[in-house]
Amino acid sequence: MSDYEVTPQTKIKRLPKRAVYDRQQIYGILDEALLCHVGFVQDDQPFVIPTIHARIGNTIFVHGSAASRMLRSLEGGISACVTVTLLDGLVLARSTFHHSMNYRSAVILGTLKLVSDSEKKREVLDTIVEHVIPGRSAEARGPNEQELKATSVLSMDINEASAKIRTGPPGDEEEDYSLPVWAGVIPLSLEPGTAEADDRLVDGVKEPDYVTEYHR
């Protein structure tokens, strides 16, 4: 199937023309984003926690300290919502009412499960590193047994998901197009700066290509 089933929870009602249920487009949003937010309720108190994620197939993974309240709560199988947003531009209309943003966002609903198998945890942690900076896991030291025990990895199968995407110029009221006000889009993107070497770098170690050529 190329599309996710539209459920009452994932059906986009506000501006439905921006709704996307295509699996590959949702994967693309997840794979480009560096950060996700995980929402859940514990003891009637809502929490939304930012964290790093990675996708393997139709499953999304998050990780953190084994002592983390979020991870300890979520591994119990409570319902959660994982969201990511990519901001592509500021949309300036002739009226402030029609100002907007160009964006790509995805929402995933489900439950997170604890990954207990050590080898699977290592695979996922390597994938998370590669998600952030491809090529790094082959060079940097991986987690030792103590570090592995101190880290929890949770998985969520992507069964309920939707995306919402806005592109293009502003949409003004017809009578406002004659106003002498600048309108258009200011594109935005995530651009890396110049890498800054650590002060304790071993002599002779040069920047690898995945650092000098890094981009999203």
N, C-alpha and C. Protein backbone atom coordinates (compact mmCIF):
# COMPACT_ATOMS: atom_id res chain seq x y z
N MET A 1 0.84 -1.20 0.00
CA MET A 1 0.00 0.00 0.00
C MET A 1 0.87 1.25 0.00
N SER A 2 0.50 2.23 -0.85
CA SER A 2 1.28 3.46 -0.91
C SER A 2 0.79 4.50 0.07
N ASP A 3 -0.49 4.38 0.49
CA ASP A 3 -1.05 5.36 1.41
C ASP A 3 -1.38 4.69 2.75
N TYR A 4 -1.28 5.49 3.83
CA TYR A 4 -1.77 5.04 5.12
C TYR A 4 -3.29 5.19 5.16
N GLU A 5 -3.93 4.27 5.85
CA GLU A 5 -5.38 4.36 6.00
C GLU A 5 -5.73 5.62 6.78
N VAL A 6 -6.74 6.33 6.31
CA VAL A 6 -7.20 7.52 7.02
C VAL A 6 -8.13 7.09 8.15
N THR A 7 -7.77 7.43 9.37
CA THR A 7 -8.57 7.08 10.54
C THR A 7 -9.18 8.35 11.13
N PRO A 8 -10.15 8.20 12.03
CA PRO A 8 -10.72 9.40 12.66
C PRO A 8 -9.65 10.25 13.36
N GLN A 9 -8.60 9.60 13.84
CA GLN A 9 -7.55 10.33 14.54
C GLN A 9 -6.59 11.05 13.58
N THR A 10 -6.39 10.49 12.39
CA THR A 10 -5.41 11.07 11.47
C THR A 10 -6.04 11.90 10.37
N LYS A 11 -7.35 11.86 10.24
CA LYS A 11 -8.00 12.64 9.18
C LYS A 11 -7.82 14.13 9.44
N ILE A 12 -7.30 14.83 8.45
CA ILE A 12 -7.05 16.27 8.57
C ILE A 12 -8.30 17.01 8.13
N LYS A 13 -8.89 17.75 9.05
CA LYS A 13 -10.14 18.45 8.78
C LYS A 13 -9.92 19.92 8.46
N ARG A 14 -8.92 20.53 9.06
CA ARG A 14 -8.62 21.93 8.80
C ARG A 14 -7.71 22.01 7.59
N LEU A 15 -8.17 22.67 6.52
CA LEU A 15 -7.44 22.76 5.25
C LEU A 15 -7.07 21.37 4.73
N PRO A 16 -8.06 20.55 4.45
CA PRO A 16 -7.80 19.17 4.02
C PRO A 16 -7.03 19.05 2.71
N LYS A 17 -7.00 20.11 1.90
CA LYS A 17 -6.24 20.04 0.65
C LYS A 17 -4.74 19.93 0.90
N ARG A 18 -4.32 20.25 2.12
CA ARG A 18 -2.91 20.11 2.48
C ARG A 18 -2.58 18.73 3.05
N ALA A 19 -3.59 17.90 3.19
CA ALA A 19 -3.38 16.58 3.80
C ALA A 19 -2.61 15.65 2.87
N VAL A 20 -1.72 14.87 3.45
CA VAL A 20 -0.95 13.87 2.72
C VAL A 20 -0.95 12.59 3.54
N TYR A 21 -1.31 11.49 2.90
CA TYR A 21 -1.29 10.19 3.56
C TYR A 21 -0.35 9.22 2.85
N ASP A 22 0.38 9.75 1.87
CA ASP A 22 1.30 8.93 1.09
C ASP A 22 2.47 8.48 1.96
N ARG A 23 2.72 7.19 1.97
CA ARG A 23 3.75 6.59 2.83
C ARG A 23 5.14 7.16 2.54
N GLN A 24 5.50 7.27 1.27
CA GLN A 24 6.85 7.71 0.93
C GLN A 24 7.08 9.18 1.28
N GLN A 25 6.05 10.00 1.12
CA GLN A 25 6.21 11.40 1.50
C GLN A 25 6.36 11.55 3.01
N ILE A 26 5.63 10.75 3.75
CA ILE A 26 5.76 10.79 5.22
C ILE A 26 7.14 10.29 5.63
N TYR A 27 7.61 9.22 4.99
CA TYR A 27 8.97 8.75 5.27
C TYR A 27 9.99 9.86 5.00
N GLY A 28 9.81 10.57 3.89
CA GLY A 28 10.75 11.62 3.54
C GLY A 28 10.82 12.72 4.58
N ILE A 29 9.67 13.10 5.14
CA ILE A 29 9.65 14.11 6.19
C ILE A 29 10.37 13.60 7.43
N LEU A 30 10.09 12.37 7.83
CA LEU A 30 10.74 11.80 9.01
C LEU A 30 12.25 11.71 8.82
N ASP A 31 12.68 11.34 7.61
CA ASP A 31 14.11 11.12 7.37
C ASP A 31 14.89 12.43 7.28
N GLU A 32 14.24 13.50 6.84
CA GLU A 32 14.94 14.77 6.74
C GLU A 32 15.06 15.48 8.08
N ALA A 33 14.05 15.32 8.93
CA ALA A 33 14.03 16.03 10.21
C ALA A 33 15.08 15.48 11.16
N LEU A 34 15.73 16.37 11.89
CA LEU A 34 16.73 15.97 12.88
C LEU A 34 16.11 15.72 14.25
N LEU A 35 14.92 16.25 14.46
CA LEU A 35 14.32 16.25 15.79
C LEU A 35 12.85 15.90 15.69
N CYS A 36 12.37 15.12 16.63
CA CYS A 36 10.94 14.88 16.74
C CYS A 36 10.49 15.29 18.14
N HIS A 37 9.17 15.39 18.31
CA HIS A 37 8.60 15.64 19.63
C HIS A 37 7.66 14.48 19.96
N VAL A 38 7.78 13.97 21.16
CA VAL A 38 6.95 12.86 21.62
C VAL A 38 5.98 13.38 22.66
N GLY A 39 4.69 13.24 22.39
CA GLY A 39 3.66 13.68 23.32
C GLY A 39 3.00 12.49 24.00
N PHE A 40 2.74 12.62 25.29
CA PHE A 40 2.07 11.56 26.05
C PHE A 40 1.48 12.18 27.32
N VAL A 41 0.62 11.42 27.98
CA VAL A 41 0.00 11.88 29.22
C VAL A 41 0.38 10.92 30.33
N GLN A 42 0.86 11.49 31.42
CA GLN A 42 1.21 10.69 32.59
C GLN A 42 0.54 11.30 33.82
N ASP A 43 -0.28 10.49 34.50
CA ASP A 43 -0.99 10.96 35.69
C ASP A 43 -1.77 12.25 35.40
N ASP A 44 -2.47 12.25 34.26
CA ASP A 44 -3.31 13.38 33.84
C ASP A 44 -2.52 14.63 33.47
N GLN A 45 -1.21 14.52 33.39
CA GLN A 45 -0.38 15.67 33.01
C GLN A 45 0.21 15.44 31.61
N PRO A 46 -0.12 16.29 30.65
CA PRO A 46 0.48 16.13 29.31
C PRO A 46 1.95 16.55 29.31
N PHE A 47 2.74 15.82 28.53
CA PHE A 47 4.15 16.15 28.32
C PHE A 47 4.44 16.09 26.82
N VAL A 48 5.29 16.98 26.35
CA VAL A 48 5.79 16.93 24.97
C VAL A 48 7.30 17.10 25.06
N ILE A 49 8.03 16.05 24.68
CA ILE A 49 9.48 16.01 24.88
C ILE A 49 10.20 15.94 23.53
N PRO A 50 11.16 16.84 23.27
CA PRO A 50 11.95 16.74 22.04
C PRO A 50 13.02 15.66 22.17
N THR A 51 13.27 14.94 21.09
CA THR A 51 14.30 13.90 21.12
C THR A 51 14.74 13.58 19.68
N ILE A 52 15.86 12.90 19.56
CA ILE A 52 16.35 12.46 18.26
C ILE A 52 15.65 11.16 17.88
N HIS A 53 15.43 10.96 16.61
CA HIS A 53 14.74 9.77 16.15
C HIS A 53 15.44 9.21 14.91
N ALA A 54 15.00 8.05 14.50
CA ALA A 54 15.44 7.46 13.23
C ALA A 54 14.38 6.47 12.79
N ARG A 55 14.32 6.25 11.48
CA ARG A 55 13.35 5.32 10.92
C ARG A 55 14.07 4.13 10.29
N ILE A 56 13.57 2.93 10.56
CA ILE A 56 14.01 1.72 9.87
C ILE A 56 12.76 1.06 9.32
N GLY A 57 12.63 1.04 8.00
CA GLY A 57 11.42 0.49 7.40
C GLY A 57 10.19 1.27 7.84
N ASN A 58 9.20 0.57 8.33
CA ASN A 58 7.96 1.21 8.75
C ASN A 58 7.91 1.39 10.27
N THR A 59 9.08 1.54 10.88
CA THR A 59 9.17 1.71 12.33
C THR A 59 10.04 2.91 12.64
N ILE A 60 9.59 3.71 13.60
CA ILE A 60 10.37 4.85 14.07
C ILE A 60 10.92 4.52 15.45
N PHE A 61 12.15 4.96 15.72
CA PHE A 61 12.82 4.67 16.99
C PHE A 61 13.23 5.97 17.66
N VAL A 62 13.15 5.98 18.99
CA VAL A 62 13.70 7.08 19.80
C VAL A 62 14.55 6.46 20.89
N HIS A 63 15.43 7.27 21.46
CA HIS A 63 16.29 6.73 22.51
C HIS A 63 16.54 7.81 23.56
N GLY A 64 17.07 7.38 24.70
CA GLY A 64 17.40 8.31 25.77
C GLY A 64 17.91 7.56 26.98
N SER A 65 18.09 8.28 28.06
CA SER A 65 18.57 7.67 29.29
C SER A 65 17.56 6.66 29.81
N ALA A 66 18.06 5.55 30.32
CA ALA A 66 17.18 4.55 30.90
C ALA A 66 16.44 5.09 32.12
N ALA A 67 16.97 6.19 32.70
CA ALA A 67 16.33 6.80 33.86
C ALA A 67 15.32 7.87 33.47
N SER A 68 15.17 8.12 32.17
CA SER A 68 14.27 9.16 31.69
C SER A 68 12.82 8.86 32.04
N ARG A 69 12.11 9.86 32.58
CA ARG A 69 10.70 9.68 32.90
C ARG A 69 9.90 9.36 31.64
N MET A 70 10.23 10.06 30.55
CA MET A 70 9.50 9.82 29.30
C MET A 70 9.64 8.38 28.87
N LEU A 71 10.87 7.88 28.82
CA LEU A 71 11.08 6.53 28.32
C LEU A 71 10.52 5.49 29.27
N ARG A 72 10.64 5.72 30.58
CA ARG A 72 10.09 4.75 31.54
C ARG A 72 8.57 4.71 31.46
N SER A 73 7.96 5.86 31.16
CA SER A 73 6.49 5.90 31.02
C SER A 73 6.05 5.23 29.73
N LEU A 74 6.74 5.56 28.64
CA LEU A 74 6.32 5.09 27.34
C LEU A 74 6.55 3.60 27.14
N GLU A 75 7.58 3.06 27.79
CA GLU A 75 7.85 1.63 27.59
C GLU A 75 6.76 0.77 28.21
N GLY A 76 5.90 1.41 29.00
CA GLY A 76 4.78 0.68 29.58
C GLY A 76 3.63 0.50 28.61
N GLY A 77 3.76 1.07 27.41
CA GLY A 77 2.76 0.86 26.38
C GLY A 77 1.65 1.89 26.34
N ILE A 78 1.84 3.05 26.97
CA ILE A 78 0.80 4.07 26.91
C ILE A 78 0.79 4.71 25.53
N SER A 79 -0.35 5.30 25.18
CA SER A 79 -0.48 5.94 23.87
C SER A 79 0.43 7.15 23.75
N ALA A 80 0.95 7.35 22.55
CA ALA A 80 1.86 8.46 22.31
C ALA A 80 1.62 9.05 20.94
N CYS A 81 2.11 10.25 20.76
CA CYS A 81 2.03 10.95 19.48
C CYS A 81 3.42 11.48 19.16
N VAL A 82 3.95 11.09 18.01
CA VAL A 82 5.27 11.55 17.56
C VAL A 82 5.05 12.52 16.40
N THR A 83 5.64 13.71 16.49
CA THR A 83 5.48 14.71 15.44
C THR A 83 6.84 15.25 15.00
N VAL A 84 6.93 15.59 13.72
CA VAL A 84 8.10 16.30 13.20
C VAL A 84 7.61 17.41 12.28
N THR A 85 8.37 18.50 12.21
CA THR A 85 8.01 19.62 11.35
C THR A 85 9.26 20.16 10.67
N LEU A 86 9.15 20.39 9.38
CA LEU A 86 10.21 21.04 8.60
C LEU A 86 9.66 22.37 8.13
N LEU A 87 10.37 23.45 8.46
CA LEU A 87 9.93 24.79 8.07
C LEU A 87 10.68 25.22 6.82
N ASP A 88 9.94 25.51 5.75
CA ASP A 88 10.53 25.79 4.44
C ASP A 88 10.47 27.26 4.04
N GLY A 89 9.63 28.06 4.68
CA GLY A 89 9.57 29.45 4.28
C GLY A 89 8.54 30.24 5.05
N LEU A 90 8.75 31.57 5.08
CA LEU A 90 7.77 32.48 5.65
C LEU A 90 6.95 33.07 4.52
N VAL A 91 5.63 32.99 4.64
CA VAL A 91 4.73 33.45 3.59
C VAL A 91 4.13 34.79 4.02
N LEU A 92 4.51 35.84 3.31
CA LEU A 92 4.05 37.18 3.64
C LEU A 92 2.96 37.60 2.65
N ALA A 93 1.77 37.75 3.16
CA ALA A 93 0.64 38.15 2.34
C ALA A 93 0.44 39.66 2.43
N ARG A 94 -0.51 40.17 1.70
CA ARG A 94 -0.82 41.60 1.73
C ARG A 94 -1.64 41.97 2.96
N SER A 95 -2.28 40.97 3.55
CA SER A 95 -3.00 41.17 4.80
C SER A 95 -2.39 40.26 5.86
N THR A 96 -2.35 40.73 7.07
CA THR A 96 -1.75 39.91 8.13
C THR A 96 -2.54 38.64 8.37
N PHE A 97 -3.84 38.66 8.09
CA PHE A 97 -4.67 37.48 8.30
C PHE A 97 -4.18 36.31 7.46
N HIS A 98 -3.68 36.58 6.26
CA HIS A 98 -3.28 35.52 5.35
C HIS A 98 -1.78 35.21 5.39
N HIS A 99 -1.04 35.80 6.33
CA HIS A 99 0.35 35.40 6.51
C HIS A 99 0.39 33.93 6.93
N SER A 100 1.41 33.23 6.49
CA SER A 100 1.49 31.81 6.80
C SER A 100 2.95 31.36 6.76
N MET A 101 3.14 30.08 6.72
CA MET A 101 4.46 29.47 6.57
C MET A 101 4.35 28.31 5.60
N ASN A 102 5.38 28.08 4.82
CA ASN A 102 5.49 26.85 4.05
C ASN A 102 6.17 25.81 4.93
N TYR A 103 5.59 24.65 5.00
CA TYR A 103 6.08 23.64 5.95
C TYR A 103 5.70 22.25 5.48
N ARG A 104 6.36 21.26 6.09
CA ARG A 104 6.01 19.85 5.94
C ARG A 104 6.00 19.25 7.34
N SER A 105 4.89 18.70 7.74
CA SER A 105 4.79 18.13 9.08
C SER A 105 4.18 16.74 9.01
N ALA A 106 4.53 15.90 9.97
CA ALA A 106 4.00 14.54 10.03
C ALA A 106 3.62 14.22 11.47
N VAL A 107 2.54 13.48 11.60
CA VAL A 107 2.05 13.05 12.92
C VAL A 107 1.87 11.54 12.89
N ILE A 108 2.41 10.87 13.90
CA ILE A 108 2.30 9.42 14.01
C ILE A 108 1.67 9.10 15.36
N LEU A 109 0.67 8.23 15.35
CA LEU A 109 -0.01 7.81 16.58
C LEU A 109 0.23 6.33 16.82
N GLY A 110 0.39 5.99 18.10
CA GLY A 110 0.59 4.57 18.42
C GLY A 110 1.14 4.40 19.82
N THR A 111 1.74 3.26 20.05
CA THR A 111 2.39 2.98 21.33
C THR A 111 3.84 2.62 21.08
N LEU A 112 4.67 3.00 22.01
CA LEU A 112 6.11 2.72 21.92
C LEU A 112 6.45 1.48 22.73
N LYS A 113 7.30 0.64 22.17
CA LYS A 113 7.70 -0.60 22.84
C LYS A 113 9.20 -0.56 23.12
N LEU A 114 9.58 -1.15 24.23
CA LEU A 114 10.99 -1.20 24.60
C LEU A 114 11.74 -2.21 23.73
N VAL A 115 12.88 -1.80 23.19
CA VAL A 115 13.77 -2.70 22.46
C VAL A 115 14.75 -3.28 23.47
N SER A 116 14.63 -4.55 23.77
CA SER A 116 15.43 -5.17 24.82
C SER A 116 16.63 -5.94 24.28
N ASP A 117 16.57 -6.40 23.02
CA ASP A 117 17.67 -7.17 22.45
C ASP A 117 18.89 -6.27 22.24
N SER A 118 20.04 -6.68 22.78
CA SER A 118 21.24 -5.84 22.75
C SER A 118 21.71 -5.55 21.33
N GLU A 119 21.70 -6.55 20.48
CA GLU A 119 22.17 -6.34 19.11
C GLU A 119 21.24 -5.41 18.34
N LYS A 120 19.93 -5.54 18.59
CA LYS A 120 18.98 -4.64 17.94
C LYS A 120 19.19 -3.21 18.44
N LYS A 121 19.46 -3.08 19.74
CA LYS A 121 19.71 -1.75 20.29
C LYS A 121 20.93 -1.13 19.62
N ARG A 122 21.98 -1.90 19.45
CA ARG A 122 23.18 -1.38 18.79
C ARG A 122 22.88 -0.95 17.35
N GLU A 123 22.10 -1.78 16.66
CA GLU A 123 21.73 -1.44 15.28
C GLU A 123 20.96 -0.13 15.23
N VAL A 124 20.00 0.03 16.15
CA VAL A 124 19.18 1.24 16.16
C VAL A 124 20.03 2.46 16.52
N LEU A 125 20.89 2.33 17.51
CA LEU A 125 21.72 3.46 17.92
C LEU A 125 22.65 3.89 16.79
N ASP A 126 23.19 2.92 16.05
CA ASP A 126 24.00 3.26 14.88
C ASP A 126 23.15 3.99 13.83
N THR A 127 21.92 3.52 13.66
CA THR A 127 21.02 4.14 12.69
C THR A 127 20.68 5.57 13.09
N ILE A 128 20.51 5.81 14.38
CA ILE A 128 20.23 7.17 14.85
C ILE A 128 21.42 8.08 14.58
N VAL A 129 22.64 7.58 14.83
CA VAL A 129 23.83 8.36 14.52
C VAL A 129 23.89 8.65 13.02
N GLU A 130 23.62 7.64 12.20
CA GLU A 130 23.67 7.82 10.75
C GLU A 130 22.56 8.76 10.27
N HIS A 131 21.44 8.75 10.97
CA HIS A 131 20.36 9.67 10.63
C HIS A 131 20.81 11.12 10.79
N VAL A 132 21.58 11.38 11.84
CA VAL A 132 22.06 12.74 12.11
C VAL A 132 23.22 13.11 11.20
N ILE A 133 24.21 12.22 11.09
CA ILE A 133 25.38 12.51 10.25
C ILE A 133 25.89 11.22 9.61
N PRO A 134 25.50 10.97 8.37
CA PRO A 134 25.88 9.73 7.69
C PRO A 134 27.39 9.56 7.62
N GLY A 135 27.84 8.34 7.91
CA GLY A 135 29.26 8.02 7.88
C GLY A 135 29.92 8.02 9.23
N ARG A 136 29.27 8.60 10.23
CA ARG A 136 29.91 8.77 11.53
C ARG A 136 30.05 7.47 12.32
N SER A 137 29.04 6.60 12.24
CA SER A 137 29.06 5.40 13.09
C SER A 137 30.20 4.45 12.73
N ALA A 138 30.71 4.53 11.50
CA ALA A 138 31.81 3.66 11.09
C ALA A 138 33.14 4.12 11.68
N GLU A 139 33.20 5.36 12.16
CA GLU A 139 34.46 5.91 12.66
C GLU A 139 34.48 6.07 14.17
N ALA A 140 33.39 6.56 14.74
CA ALA A 140 33.35 6.81 16.18
C ALA A 140 33.15 5.51 16.96
N ARG A 141 33.62 5.49 18.21
CA ARG A 141 33.45 4.31 19.06
C ARG A 141 31.98 4.12 19.37
N GLY A 142 31.52 2.89 19.28
CA GLY A 142 30.14 2.58 19.63
C GLY A 142 29.98 2.43 21.14
N PRO A 143 28.76 2.26 21.62
CA PRO A 143 28.52 2.15 23.07
C PRO A 143 29.09 0.86 23.64
N ASN A 144 29.71 0.97 24.83
CA ASN A 144 30.15 -0.23 25.53
C ASN A 144 28.96 -0.80 26.31
N GLU A 145 29.18 -1.90 27.00
CA GLU A 145 28.07 -2.58 27.67
C GLU A 145 27.41 -1.69 28.72
N GLN A 146 28.22 -0.94 29.47
CA GLN A 146 27.66 -0.06 30.50
C GLN A 146 26.81 1.05 29.86
N GLU A 147 27.32 1.61 28.77
CA GLU A 147 26.57 2.67 28.09
C GLU A 147 25.30 2.12 27.46
N LEU A 148 25.38 0.89 26.97
CA LEU A 148 24.20 0.27 26.37
C LEU A 148 23.10 0.05 27.41
N LYS A 149 23.50 -0.37 28.62
CA LYS A 149 22.54 -0.59 29.68
C LYS A 149 21.92 0.72 30.16
N ALA A 150 22.68 1.80 30.07
CA ALA A 150 22.20 3.11 30.52
C ALA A 150 21.30 3.79 29.50
N THR A 151 21.15 3.15 28.33
CA THR A 151 20.36 3.74 27.24
C THR A 151 19.13 2.88 26.95
N SER A 152 18.00 3.53 26.87
CA SER A 152 16.78 2.84 26.46
C SER A 152 16.46 3.20 25.02
N VAL A 153 15.99 2.22 24.27
CA VAL A 153 15.54 2.42 22.89
C VAL A 153 14.10 1.97 22.79
N LEU A 154 13.26 2.81 22.22
CA LEU A 154 11.85 2.49 22.05
C LEU A 154 11.49 2.52 20.57
N SER A 155 10.56 1.66 20.19
CA SER A 155 10.13 1.58 18.79
C SER A 155 8.63 1.82 18.69
N MET A 156 8.21 2.40 17.56
CA MET A 156 6.79 2.56 17.27
C MET A 156 6.55 2.19 15.81
N ASP A 157 5.72 1.20 15.58
CA ASP A 157 5.33 0.88 14.21
C ASP A 157 4.46 2.01 13.66
N ILE A 158 4.71 2.38 12.41
CA ILE A 158 3.98 3.50 11.80
C ILE A 158 2.73 2.94 11.14
N ASN A 159 1.66 2.85 11.92
CA ASN A 159 0.40 2.32 11.40
C ASN A 159 -0.66 3.41 11.22
N GLU A 160 -0.62 4.43 12.05
CA GLU A 160 -1.52 5.57 11.92
C GLU A 160 -0.68 6.82 11.72
N ALA A 161 -0.75 7.41 10.54
CA ALA A 161 0.11 8.57 10.25
C ALA A 161 -0.54 9.45 9.20
N SER A 162 -0.23 10.72 9.30
CA SER A 162 -0.65 11.68 8.29
C SER A 162 0.36 12.81 8.23
N ALA A 163 0.34 13.52 7.12
CA ALA A 163 1.21 14.68 6.97
C ALA A 163 0.38 15.85 6.49
N LYS A 164 0.93 17.04 6.70
CA LYS A 164 0.28 18.25 6.22
C LYS A 164 1.38 19.11 5.60
N ILE A 165 1.13 19.58 4.37
CA ILE A 165 2.17 20.28 3.63
C ILE A 165 1.57 21.56 3.03
N ARG A 166 2.30 22.67 3.21
CA ARG A 166 1.93 23.91 2.53
C ARG A 166 3.10 24.35 1.67
N THR A 167 2.82 24.69 0.42
CA THR A 167 3.83 25.21 -0.49
C THR A 167 3.23 26.40 -1.24
N GLY A 168 4.10 27.16 -1.89
CA GLY A 168 3.62 28.19 -2.80
C GLY A 168 3.48 29.57 -2.20
N PRO A 169 2.96 30.50 -3.00
CA PRO A 169 2.87 31.91 -2.61
C PRO A 169 1.71 32.17 -1.68
N PRO A 170 1.61 33.41 -1.19
CA PRO A 170 0.46 33.75 -0.34
C PRO A 170 -0.83 33.75 -1.13
N GLY A 171 -1.92 33.56 -0.41
CA GLY A 171 -3.24 33.65 -1.02
C GLY A 171 -4.02 34.78 -0.39
N ASP A 172 -4.13 35.89 -1.09
CA ASP A 172 -4.81 37.07 -0.56
C ASP A 172 -6.26 37.13 -1.03
N GLU A 173 -7.01 37.98 -0.35
CA GLU A 173 -8.34 38.31 -0.85
C GLU A 173 -8.19 39.07 -2.17
N GLU A 174 -9.08 38.82 -3.09
CA GLU A 174 -8.95 39.41 -4.43
C GLU A 174 -8.79 40.93 -4.37
N GLU A 175 -9.53 41.59 -3.50
CA GLU A 175 -9.47 43.05 -3.45
C GLU A 175 -8.15 43.57 -2.87
N ASP A 176 -7.37 42.67 -2.22
CA ASP A 176 -6.11 43.09 -1.61
C ASP A 176 -4.93 43.04 -2.58
N TYR A 177 -5.11 42.40 -3.73
CA TYR A 177 -3.99 42.29 -4.67
C TYR A 177 -3.58 43.64 -5.23
N SER A 178 -4.42 44.63 -5.13
CA SER A 178 -4.06 45.97 -5.63
C SER A 178 -3.36 46.81 -4.58
N LEU A 179 -3.20 46.31 -3.36
CA LEU A 179 -2.53 47.06 -2.31
C LEU A 179 -1.03 47.19 -2.61
N PRO A 180 -0.43 48.37 -2.35
CA PRO A 180 1.01 48.56 -2.60
C PRO A 180 1.85 48.00 -1.45
N VAL A 181 1.68 46.71 -1.19
CA VAL A 181 2.36 46.02 -0.09
C VAL A 181 3.14 44.85 -0.67
N TRP A 182 4.43 44.73 -0.30
CA TRP A 182 5.21 43.60 -0.80
C TRP A 182 4.63 42.29 -0.26
N ALA A 183 4.56 41.30 -1.12
CA ALA A 183 4.08 39.98 -0.73
C ALA A 183 4.94 38.93 -1.42
N GLY A 184 5.11 37.79 -0.77
CA GLY A 184 5.92 36.72 -1.34
C GLY A 184 6.37 35.75 -0.27
N VAL A 185 7.43 35.03 -0.57
CA VAL A 185 7.93 33.99 0.33
C VAL A 185 9.40 34.24 0.64
N ILE A 186 9.76 34.14 1.91
CA ILE A 186 11.16 34.15 2.32
C ILE A 186 11.54 32.69 2.58
N PRO A 187 12.32 32.07 1.67
CA PRO A 187 12.69 30.66 1.88
C PRO A 187 13.56 30.49 3.12
N LEU A 188 13.37 29.40 3.81
CA LEU A 188 14.17 29.05 4.97
C LEU A 188 14.72 27.64 4.79
N SER A 189 15.95 27.42 5.28
CA SER A 189 16.54 26.09 5.23
C SER A 189 17.54 25.94 6.35
N LEU A 190 17.83 24.69 6.68
CA LEU A 190 18.82 24.38 7.72
C LEU A 190 20.18 24.24 7.05
N GLU A 191 21.08 25.20 7.33
CA GLU A 191 22.38 25.20 6.69
C GLU A 191 23.49 25.08 7.73
N PRO A 192 24.43 24.13 7.56
CA PRO A 192 25.52 24.00 8.53
C PRO A 192 26.53 25.13 8.39
N GLY A 193 27.12 25.50 9.51
CA GLY A 193 28.21 26.48 9.49
C GLY A 193 29.55 25.77 9.37
N THR A 194 30.61 26.53 9.55
CA THR A 194 31.97 25.96 9.49
C THR A 194 32.22 25.11 10.73
N ALA A 195 32.69 23.89 10.53
CA ALA A 195 32.96 22.99 11.65
C ALA A 195 34.04 23.56 12.56
N GLU A 196 33.87 23.39 13.87
CA GLU A 196 34.83 23.87 14.87
C GLU A 196 35.47 22.67 15.55
N ALA A 197 36.76 22.48 15.34
CA ALA A 197 37.46 21.31 15.89
C ALA A 197 37.58 21.40 17.41
N ASP A 198 37.46 20.25 18.07
CA ASP A 198 37.62 20.19 19.52
C ASP A 198 39.07 20.53 19.90
N ASP A 199 39.25 21.23 21.03
CA ASP A 199 40.58 21.65 21.45
C ASP A 199 41.50 20.47 21.76
N ARG A 200 40.93 19.33 22.11
CA ARG A 200 41.74 18.18 22.48
C ARG A 200 41.84 17.15 21.36
N LEU A 201 41.65 17.60 20.15
CA LEU A 201 41.77 16.70 18.99
C LEU A 201 43.20 16.19 18.87
N VAL A 202 43.37 14.90 18.60
CA VAL A 202 44.69 14.32 18.41
C VAL A 202 45.35 14.96 17.20
N ASP A 203 46.65 15.26 17.33
CA ASP A 203 47.38 15.90 16.23
C ASP A 203 47.28 15.06 14.94
N GLY A 204 47.07 15.75 13.86
CA GLY A 204 47.05 15.08 12.56
C GLY A 204 45.68 14.59 12.12
N VAL A 205 44.68 14.68 12.99
CA VAL A 205 43.34 14.23 12.61
C VAL A 205 42.67 15.33 11.80
N LYS A 206 42.26 14.99 10.60
CA LYS A 206 41.63 15.96 9.72
C LYS A 206 40.12 15.77 9.68
N GLU A 207 39.44 16.80 9.24
CA GLU A 207 37.99 16.71 9.11
C GLU A 207 37.63 15.67 8.05
N PRO A 208 36.77 14.73 8.39
CA PRO A 208 36.32 13.75 7.38
C PRO A 208 35.37 14.42 6.39
N ASP A 209 35.20 13.78 5.26
CA ASP A 209 34.33 14.34 4.23
C ASP A 209 32.91 14.54 4.73
N TYR A 210 32.42 13.63 5.60
CA TYR A 210 31.05 13.77 6.05
C TYR A 210 30.84 14.98 6.95
N VAL A 211 31.95 15.59 7.43
CA VAL A 211 31.86 16.84 8.17
C VAL A 211 31.94 18.03 7.22
N THR A 212 32.95 18.03 6.36
CA THR A 212 33.14 19.17 5.45
C THR A 212 32.01 19.29 4.42
N GLU A 213 31.39 18.18 4.08
CA GLU A 213 30.34 18.20 3.06
C GLU A 213 28.94 18.00 3.65
N TYR A 214 28.80 18.21 4.95
CA TYR A 214 27.53 17.92 5.63
C TYR A 214 26.40 18.81 5.11
N HIS A 215 25.26 18.21 4.90
CA HIS A 215 24.07 18.96 4.52
C HIS A 215 22.85 18.11 4.85
N ARG A 216 21.69 18.76 4.91
CA ARG A 216 20.43 18.04 5.09
C ARG A 216 19.71 18.01 3.78
